[in-house]
């Protein structure tokens, strides 16, 4: 019974619940960033690559099965390829996601910036000592 009790204590800690919420929100945020990359940014990058998708950049490792023009064609024919474009695409995706997360964190920090706290009220003992100090100074 102690194992179940320990697991319950672990699962109900604030950090675990915060992590669960973070994973769920991260999944939803990931969809937004994927849409940003696929539907907005990559078409702009496509203008510079003359309409070619990075995922289509590859090198044939086996020329004996014929020449192909797309990665999908090569995979369909079972031809070994070095698909460096997919790696480049993953790097671009990572950089864009990192930038989006940085901007989100920066925005959230700006919203939650705390005002400087007022100094705490002096205790009764400190007030009494200040009165004594002021009385001594006035003499």
C-alpha atoms as a PDB file:
ATOM      1  CA  UNK A   1       0.000   0.000   0.000  1.00  0.00           C
ATOM      2  CA  UNK A   2       2.934   2.383   0.580  1.00  0.00           C
ATOM      3  CA  UNK A   3       3.913   2.251  -3.122  1.00  0.00           C
ATOM      4  CA  UNK A   4       0.461   3.498  -4.157  1.00  0.00           C
ATOM      5  CA  UNK A   5       0.590   6.210  -1.493  1.00  0.00           C
ATOM      6  CA  UNK A   6       4.045   7.351  -2.656  1.00  0.00           C
ATOM      7  CA  UNK A   7       2.911   7.388  -6.288  1.00  0.00           C
ATOM      8  CA  UNK A   8      -0.176   9.427  -5.386  1.00  0.00           C
ATOM      9  CA  UNK A   9       1.968  11.964  -3.514  1.00  0.00           C
ATOM     10  CA  UNK A  10       4.353  12.165  -6.470  1.00  0.00           C
ATOM     11  CA  UNK A  11       1.601  12.530  -9.076  1.00  0.00           C
ATOM     12  CA  UNK A  12      -0.257  15.189  -7.123  1.00  0.00           C
ATOM     13  CA  UNK A  13       2.757  17.428  -6.502  1.00  0.00           C
ATOM     14  CA  UNK A  14       2.502  20.833  -8.120  1.00  0.00           C
ATOM     15  CA  UNK A  15       5.542  20.302 -10.336  1.00  0.00           C
ATOM     16  CA  UNK A  16       4.101  17.190 -11.956  1.00  0.00           C
ATOM     17  CA  UNK A  17       0.784  18.893 -12.642  1.00  0.00           C
ATOM     18  CA  UNK A  18       2.573  21.965 -14.028  1.00  0.00           C
ATOM     19  CA  UNK A  19       4.602  19.708 -16.291  1.00  0.00           C
ATOM     20  CA  UNK A  20       1.464  17.962 -17.550  1.00  0.00           C
ATOM     21  CA  UNK A  21      -0.160  21.310 -18.365  1.00  0.00           C
ATOM     22  CA  UNK A  22       3.059  22.443 -20.053  1.00  0.00           C
ATOM     23  CA  UNK A  23       3.164  19.341 -22.245  1.00  0.00           C
ATOM     24  CA  UNK A  24      -0.463  19.797 -23.320  1.00  0.00           C
ATOM     25  CA  UNK A  25      -0.011  23.494 -24.090  1.00  0.00           C
ATOM     26  CA  UNK A  26       3.310  22.707 -25.794  1.00  0.00           C
ATOM     27  CA  UNK A  27       1.538  20.274 -28.106  1.00  0.00           C
ATOM     28  CA  UNK A  28      -1.011  22.901 -29.061  1.00  0.00           C
ATOM     29  CA  UNK A  29       1.715  25.528 -29.484  1.00  0.00           C
ATOM     30  CA  UNK A  30       3.647  23.063 -31.643  1.00  0.00           C
ATOM     31  CA  UNK A  31       0.728  22.876 -34.070  1.00  0.00           C
ATOM     32  CA  UNK A  32       0.679  26.660 -34.348  1.00  0.00           C
ATOM     33  CA  UNK A  33       4.412  26.812 -35.017  1.00  0.00           C
ATOM     34  CA  UNK A  34       4.199  23.946 -37.537  1.00  0.00           C
ATOM     35  CA  UNK A  35       1.487  25.835 -39.385  1.00  0.00           C
ATOM     36  CA  UNK A  36       3.604  28.999 -39.308  1.00  0.00           C
ATOM     37  CA  UNK A  37       6.575  27.130 -40.748  1.00  0.00           C
ATOM     38  CA  UNK A  38       4.694  25.075 -43.358  1.00  0.00           C
ATOM     39  CA  UNK A  39       2.156  27.644 -44.529  1.00  0.00           C
ATOM     40  CA  UNK A  40       3.869  31.013 -44.164  1.00  0.00           C
ATOM     41  CA  UNK A  41       7.640  30.836 -43.843  1.00  0.00           C
ATOM     42  CA  UNK A  42       8.562  27.906 -46.088  1.00  0.00           C
ATOM     43  CA  UNK A  43       6.705  29.298 -49.112  1.00  0.00           C
ATOM     44  CA  UNK A  44       8.786  32.466 -48.676  1.00  0.00           C
ATOM     45  CA  UNK A  45      11.954  30.363 -48.466  1.00  0.00           C
ATOM     46  CA  UNK A  46      10.688  28.510 -51.550  1.00  0.00           C
ATOM     47  CA  UNK A  47      10.938  31.759 -53.510  1.00  0.00           C
ATOM     48  CA  UNK A  48      14.696  31.755 -52.910  1.00  0.00           C
ATOM     49  CA  UNK A  49      15.080  28.054 -53.748  1.00  0.00           C
ATOM     50  CA  UNK A  50      13.107  28.437 -56.971  1.00  0.00           C
ATOM     51  CA  UNK A  51      10.072  26.580 -55.675  1.00  0.00           C
ATOM     52  CA  UNK A  52      11.966  23.499 -54.516  1.00  0.00           C
ATOM     53  CA  UNK A  53      11.114  22.125 -51.106  1.00  0.00           C
ATOM     54  CA  UNK A  54      14.087  21.437 -48.836  1.00  0.00           C
ATOM     55  CA  UNK A  55      12.745  17.925 -48.326  1.00  0.00           C
ATOM     56  CA  UNK A  56      13.389  17.287 -52.026  1.00  0.00           C
ATOM     57  CA  UNK A  57      17.140  17.935 -51.729  1.00  0.00           C
ATOM     58  CA  UNK A  58      18.898  14.576 -51.841  1.00  0.00           C
ATOM     59  CA  UNK A  59      21.788  12.679 -53.357  1.00  0.00           C
ATOM     60  CA  UNK A  60      21.295   9.272 -54.959  1.00  0.00           C
ATOM     61  CA  UNK A  61      23.530   6.653 -53.376  1.00  0.00           C
ATOM     62  CA  UNK A  62      22.485   3.901 -55.795  1.00  0.00           C
ATOM     63  CA  UNK A  63      22.420   4.948 -59.452  1.00  0.00           C
ATOM     64  CA  UNK A  64      21.819   1.431 -60.750  1.00  0.00           C
ATOM     65  CA  UNK A  65      18.021   1.626 -60.318  1.00  0.00           C
ATOM     66  CA  UNK A  66      17.578   4.631 -62.562  1.00  0.00           C
ATOM     67  CA  UNK A  67      17.451   8.377 -62.252  1.00  0.00           C
ATOM     68  CA  UNK A  68      14.707  10.076 -60.227  1.00  0.00           C
ATOM     69  CA  UNK A  69      13.793  13.717 -59.745  1.00  0.00           C
ATOM     70  CA  UNK A  70      12.058  13.667 -56.343  1.00  0.00           C
ATOM     71  CA  UNK A  71      12.724  12.059 -53.014  1.00  0.00           C
ATOM     72  CA  UNK A  72       9.267  10.473 -52.988  1.00  0.00           C
ATOM     73  CA  UNK A  73      10.034   8.821 -56.329  1.00  0.00           C
ATOM     74  CA  UNK A  74      13.333   7.479 -55.003  1.00  0.00           C
ATOM     75  CA  UNK A  75      11.718   6.075 -51.873  1.00  0.00           C
ATOM     76  CA  UNK A  76       8.921   4.503 -53.904  1.00  0.00           C
ATOM     77  CA  UNK A  77      11.490   2.728 -56.080  1.00  0.00           C
ATOM     78  CA  UNK A  78      13.507   1.681 -53.028  1.00  0.00           C
ATOM     79  CA  UNK A  79      16.606   3.609 -54.073  1.00  0.00           C
ATOM     80  CA  UNK A  80      19.100   4.472 -51.340  1.00  0.00           C
ATOM     81  CA  UNK A  81      19.396   8.232 -50.920  1.00  0.00           C
ATOM     82  CA  UNK A  82      21.222  10.722 -48.743  1.00  0.00           C
ATOM     83  CA  UNK A  83      18.313  13.046 -47.846  1.00  0.00           C
ATOM     84  CA  UNK A  84      20.187  16.081 -46.559  1.00  0.00           C
ATOM     85  CA  UNK A  85      17.250  18.375 -47.334  1.00  0.00           C
ATOM     86  CA  UNK A  86      15.104  16.809 -44.613  1.00  0.00           C
ATOM     87  CA  UNK A  87      17.916  17.530 -42.155  1.00  0.00           C
ATOM     88  CA  UNK A  88      18.119  21.160 -43.288  1.00  0.00           C
ATOM     89  CA  UNK A  89      14.336  21.424 -42.958  1.00  0.00           C
ATOM     90  CA  UNK A  90      14.530  20.071 -39.393  1.00  0.00           C
ATOM     91  CA  UNK A  91      17.187  22.632 -38.490  1.00  0.00           C
ATOM     92  CA  UNK A  92      15.070  25.461 -39.919  1.00  0.00           C
ATOM     93  CA  UNK A  93      12.016  24.168 -38.044  1.00  0.00           C
ATOM     94  CA  UNK A  94      14.017  24.023 -34.808  1.00  0.00           C
ATOM     95  CA  UNK A  95      15.344  27.565 -35.221  1.00  0.00           C
ATOM     96  CA  UNK A  96      11.871  28.932 -35.936  1.00  0.00           C
ATOM     97  CA  UNK A  97      10.373  27.065 -32.969  1.00  0.00           C
ATOM     98  CA  UNK A  98      13.181  28.304 -30.712  1.00  0.00           C
ATOM     99  CA  UNK A  99      12.592  31.875 -31.918  1.00  0.00           C
ATOM    100  CA  UNK A 100       8.831  31.584 -31.321  1.00  0.00           C
ATOM    101  CA  UNK A 101       9.346  30.196 -27.819  1.00  0.00           C
ATOM    102  CA  UNK A 102      11.876  32.934 -27.058  1.00  0.00           C
ATOM    103  CA  UNK A 103       9.428  35.608 -28.209  1.00  0.00           C
ATOM    104  CA  UNK A 104       6.597  34.011 -26.183  1.00  0.00           C
ATOM    105  CA  UNK A 105       8.716  33.848 -23.024  1.00  0.00           C
ATOM    106  CA  UNK A 106       9.896  37.422 -23.556  1.00  0.00           C
ATOM    107  CA  UNK A 107       6.274  38.560 -23.994  1.00  0.00           C
ATOM    108  CA  UNK A 108       5.122  36.652 -20.898  1.00  0.00           C
ATOM    109  CA  UNK A 109       7.994  38.092 -18.833  1.00  0.00           C
ATOM    110  CA  UNK A 110       6.970  41.580 -19.902  1.00  0.00           C
ATOM    111  CA  UNK A 111       3.371  40.911 -18.833  1.00  0.00           C
ATOM    112  CA  UNK A 112       4.339  39.459 -15.479  1.00  0.00           C
ATOM    113  CA  UNK A 113       7.071  41.977 -14.654  1.00  0.00           C
ATOM    114  CA  UNK A 114       6.659  42.739 -10.975  1.00  0.00           C
ATOM    115  CA  UNK A 115       6.655  46.209  -9.596  1.00  0.00           C
ATOM    116  CA  UNK A 116       9.300  46.841  -6.959  1.00  0.00           C
ATOM    117  CA  UNK A 117       7.940  45.839  -3.577  1.00  0.00           C
ATOM    118  CA  UNK A 118       7.424  48.574  -1.027  1.00  0.00           C
ATOM    119  CA  UNK A 119       9.746  48.316   1.936  1.00  0.00           C
ATOM    120  CA  UNK A 120       8.150  46.443   4.809  1.00  0.00           C
ATOM    121  CA  UNK A 121       6.519  48.393   7.619  1.00  0.00           C
ATOM    122  CA  UNK A 122       8.886  48.850  10.580  1.00  0.00           C
ATOM    123  CA  UNK A 123       8.203  46.608  13.540  1.00  0.00           C
ATOM    124  CA  UNK A 124       7.049  48.022  16.866  1.00  0.00           C
ATOM    125  CA  UNK A 125      10.568  47.676  18.251  1.00  0.00           C
ATOM    126  CA  UNK A 126      12.055  49.550  15.277  1.00  0.00           C
ATOM    127  CA  UNK A 127       9.462  52.338  15.676  1.00  0.00           C
ATOM    128  CA  UNK A 128      10.344  52.678  19.355  1.00  0.00           C
ATOM    129  CA  UNK A 129      14.054  52.844  18.534  1.00  0.00           C
ATOM    130  CA  UNK A 130      13.396  55.515  15.884  1.00  0.00           C
ATOM    131  CA  UNK A 131      11.424  57.564  18.432  1.00  0.00           C
ATOM    132  CA  UNK A 132      14.289  57.283  20.899  1.00  0.00           C
ATOM    133  CA  UNK A 133      16.793  58.293  18.201  1.00  0.00           C
ATOM    134  CA  UNK A 134      14.681  61.284  17.201  1.00  0.00           C
ATOM    135  CA  UNK A 135      14.286  62.336  20.857  1.00  0.00           C
ATOM    136  CA  UNK A 136      18.053  62.173  21.383  1.00  0.00           C
ATOM    137  CA  UNK A 137      18.692  64.198  18.204  1.00  0.00           C
ATOM    138  CA  UNK A 138      16.268  66.931  19.201  1.00  0.00           C
ATOM    139  CA  UNK A 139      18.071  67.603  22.513  1.00  0.00           C
END
